[in-house]
Amino acid sequence: MTDILRGWKEIEAYLRMKRKAILRNGYPIRFEGGDTEQRRNVFAVRGELLRHARTRTCVPREEEK
């Protein structure tokens, strides 16, 4: 299992949330290419998402290995 989630589809599935909710709740999502206006390539780090989720009321379950 990789620590990097690439693309909205993987990030949404991991957090079990839709894109707008993820952005609204301030999850640490990164945009490759530097310019957030383009938003072509998006990725997130699992550990960062979990740390952020622990400050929220709901925490995504760790995937079974």
N, C-alpha and C. Protein backbone atom coordinates (compact mmCIF):
# COMPACT_ATOMS: atom_id res chain seq x y z
N MET A 1 0.85 -1.18 0.00
CA MET A 1 0.00 0.00 0.00
C MET A 1 0.90 1.24 0.00
N THR A 2 0.59 2.18 -0.86
CA THR A 2 1.37 3.41 -0.94
C THR A 2 0.78 4.47 -0.01
N ASP A 3 1.64 5.38 0.44
CA ASP A 3 1.19 6.45 1.32
C ASP A 3 0.62 7.63 0.55
N ILE A 4 0.76 7.61 -0.77
CA ILE A 4 0.27 8.70 -1.60
C ILE A 4 -1.03 8.28 -2.30
N LEU A 5 -2.04 9.13 -2.17
CA LEU A 5 -3.30 8.94 -2.89
C LEU A 5 -3.29 9.90 -4.06
N ARG A 6 -3.47 9.38 -5.25
CA ARG A 6 -3.41 10.20 -6.46
C ARG A 6 -4.80 10.33 -7.08
N GLY A 7 -5.23 11.54 -7.26
CA GLY A 7 -6.51 11.81 -7.91
C GLY A 7 -7.66 11.86 -6.91
N TRP A 8 -8.69 12.60 -7.32
CA TRP A 8 -9.85 12.76 -6.45
C TRP A 8 -10.55 11.43 -6.17
N LYS A 9 -10.56 10.54 -7.12
CA LYS A 9 -11.25 9.27 -6.93
C LYS A 9 -10.67 8.49 -5.74
N GLU A 10 -9.35 8.40 -5.67
CA GLU A 10 -8.70 7.69 -4.56
C GLU A 10 -8.89 8.42 -3.24
N ILE A 11 -8.77 9.74 -3.26
CA ILE A 11 -8.91 10.53 -2.04
C ILE A 11 -10.33 10.43 -1.50
N GLU A 12 -11.32 10.57 -2.39
CA GLU A 12 -12.73 10.48 -1.97
C GLU A 12 -13.05 9.10 -1.41
N ALA A 13 -12.54 8.05 -2.03
CA ALA A 13 -12.80 6.69 -1.56
C ALA A 13 -12.16 6.47 -0.19
N TYR A 14 -10.96 6.97 0.01
CA TYR A 14 -10.26 6.79 1.29
C TYR A 14 -10.98 7.51 2.41
N LEU A 15 -11.38 8.75 2.18
CA LEU A 15 -12.04 9.54 3.22
C LEU A 15 -13.54 9.30 3.31
N ARG A 16 -14.08 8.66 2.27
CA ARG A 16 -15.53 8.44 2.18
C ARG A 16 -16.29 9.76 2.24
N MET A 17 -15.79 10.70 1.47
CA MET A 17 -16.40 12.03 1.35
C MET A 17 -16.31 12.48 -0.09
N LYS A 18 -17.15 13.41 -0.44
CA LYS A 18 -17.09 14.02 -1.76
C LYS A 18 -16.09 15.17 -1.75
N ARG A 19 -15.63 15.54 -2.93
CA ARG A 19 -14.61 16.57 -3.11
C ARG A 19 -14.93 17.87 -2.38
N LYS A 20 -16.15 18.36 -2.52
CA LYS A 20 -16.51 19.62 -1.89
C LYS A 20 -16.41 19.55 -0.37
N ALA A 21 -16.81 18.42 0.21
CA ALA A 21 -16.73 18.26 1.67
C ALA A 21 -15.27 18.20 2.12
N ILE A 22 -14.43 17.54 1.34
CA ILE A 22 -13.01 17.44 1.67
C ILE A 22 -12.39 18.84 1.69
N LEU A 23 -12.66 19.62 0.66
CA LEU A 23 -12.12 20.98 0.58
C LEU A 23 -12.71 21.87 1.67
N ARG A 24 -14.00 21.75 1.91
CA ARG A 24 -14.67 22.57 2.92
C ARG A 24 -14.12 22.31 4.32
N ASN A 25 -13.75 21.04 4.59
CA ASN A 25 -13.23 20.68 5.90
C ASN A 25 -11.72 20.90 6.02
N GLY A 26 -11.11 21.43 4.98
CA GLY A 26 -9.72 21.84 5.07
C GLY A 26 -8.69 20.72 5.06
N TYR A 27 -9.03 19.58 4.47
CA TYR A 27 -8.06 18.48 4.39
C TYR A 27 -6.85 18.91 3.57
N PRO A 28 -5.66 18.43 3.93
CA PRO A 28 -4.44 18.83 3.24
C PRO A 28 -4.28 18.15 1.87
N ILE A 29 -4.88 18.75 0.88
CA ILE A 29 -4.82 18.27 -0.50
C ILE A 29 -3.78 19.10 -1.24
N ARG A 30 -2.99 18.45 -2.05
CA ARG A 30 -1.92 19.15 -2.79
C ARG A 30 -2.19 19.09 -4.29
N PHE A 31 -1.79 20.16 -4.94
CA PHE A 31 -1.96 20.26 -6.38
C PHE A 31 -0.58 20.32 -7.02
N GLU A 32 -0.29 19.38 -7.92
CA GLU A 32 1.00 19.38 -8.61
C GLU A 32 1.01 20.47 -9.66
N GLY A 33 2.16 21.02 -9.91
CA GLY A 33 2.28 22.07 -10.90
C GLY A 33 2.29 23.45 -10.29
N GLY A 34 2.01 23.54 -9.00
CA GLY A 34 2.10 24.81 -8.30
C GLY A 34 0.89 25.72 -8.41
N ASP A 35 0.28 25.81 -9.57
CA ASP A 35 -0.84 26.73 -9.78
C ASP A 35 -2.15 26.03 -9.43
N THR A 36 -2.79 26.44 -8.34
CA THR A 36 -4.03 25.79 -7.91
C THR A 36 -5.19 26.10 -8.84
N GLU A 37 -5.05 27.11 -9.69
CA GLU A 37 -6.12 27.41 -10.65
C GLU A 37 -6.27 26.28 -11.67
N GLN A 38 -5.18 25.65 -12.04
CA GLN A 38 -5.24 24.59 -13.04
C GLN A 38 -5.80 23.30 -12.44
N ARG A 39 -5.37 22.96 -11.24
CA ARG A 39 -5.87 21.79 -10.50
C ARG A 39 -5.89 20.52 -11.35
N ARG A 40 -4.88 20.32 -12.15
CA ARG A 40 -4.84 19.14 -13.00
C ARG A 40 -4.54 17.87 -12.22
N ASN A 41 -3.41 17.86 -11.52
CA ASN A 41 -2.99 16.68 -10.79
C ASN A 41 -3.09 16.94 -9.30
N VAL A 42 -3.91 16.17 -8.64
CA VAL A 42 -4.13 16.34 -7.21
C VAL A 42 -3.64 15.09 -6.50
N PHE A 43 -3.08 15.29 -5.28
CA PHE A 43 -2.66 14.14 -4.48
C PHE A 43 -2.72 14.49 -3.01
N ALA A 44 -2.67 13.46 -2.17
CA ALA A 44 -2.68 13.63 -0.73
C ALA A 44 -1.86 12.52 -0.10
N VAL A 45 -1.36 12.79 1.10
CA VAL A 45 -0.58 11.82 1.85
C VAL A 45 -1.48 11.24 2.94
N ARG A 46 -1.57 9.90 3.01
CA ARG A 46 -2.46 9.25 3.97
C ARG A 46 -2.24 9.72 5.40
N GLY A 47 -0.99 9.79 5.83
CA GLY A 47 -0.68 10.20 7.20
C GLY A 47 -1.20 11.59 7.51
N GLU A 48 -1.05 12.51 6.56
CA GLU A 48 -1.55 13.88 6.76
C GLU A 48 -3.06 13.90 6.85
N LEU A 49 -3.72 13.09 6.01
CA LEU A 49 -5.18 13.03 6.05
C LEU A 49 -5.66 12.48 7.40
N LEU A 50 -4.99 11.44 7.89
CA LEU A 50 -5.37 10.85 9.18
C LEU A 50 -5.16 11.84 10.32
N ARG A 51 -4.04 12.54 10.31
CA ARG A 51 -3.79 13.53 11.37
C ARG A 51 -4.87 14.60 11.35
N HIS A 52 -5.23 15.06 10.16
CA HIS A 52 -6.28 16.07 10.06
C HIS A 52 -7.63 15.50 10.51
N ALA A 53 -7.91 14.26 10.11
CA ALA A 53 -9.19 13.64 10.46
C ALA A 53 -9.34 13.47 11.96
N ARG A 54 -8.26 13.25 12.66
CA ARG A 54 -8.33 13.06 14.13
C ARG A 54 -8.76 14.33 14.83
N THR A 55 -8.60 15.48 14.18
CA THR A 55 -9.06 16.74 14.76
C THR A 55 -10.54 16.96 14.45
N ARG A 56 -11.10 16.14 13.56
CA ARG A 56 -12.51 16.24 13.18
C ARG A 56 -13.31 15.23 14.00
N THR A 57 -14.61 15.22 13.83
CA THR A 57 -15.46 14.30 14.59
C THR A 57 -15.48 12.89 14.00
N CYS A 58 -15.22 12.74 12.70
CA CYS A 58 -15.23 11.41 12.10
C CYS A 58 -13.83 11.10 11.56
N VAL A 59 -13.39 9.89 11.78
CA VAL A 59 -12.06 9.46 11.36
C VAL A 59 -12.21 8.31 10.37
N PRO A 60 -11.55 8.37 9.21
CA PRO A 60 -11.66 7.26 8.26
C PRO A 60 -10.98 6.02 8.83
N ARG A 61 -11.54 4.86 8.55
CA ARG A 61 -10.96 3.61 9.04
C ARG A 61 -9.70 3.30 8.26
N GLU A 62 -8.72 2.72 8.95
CA GLU A 62 -7.53 2.25 8.28
C GLU A 62 -7.91 1.05 7.43
N GLU A 63 -7.34 0.96 6.24
CA GLU A 63 -7.64 -0.15 5.37
C GLU A 63 -7.01 -1.41 5.90
N GLU A 64 -7.70 -2.53 5.72
CA GLU A 64 -7.15 -3.81 6.15
C GLU A 64 -6.02 -4.21 5.23
N LYS A 65 -5.01 -4.82 5.82
CA LYS A 65 -3.84 -5.23 5.02
C LYS A 65 -3.94 -6.67 4.62
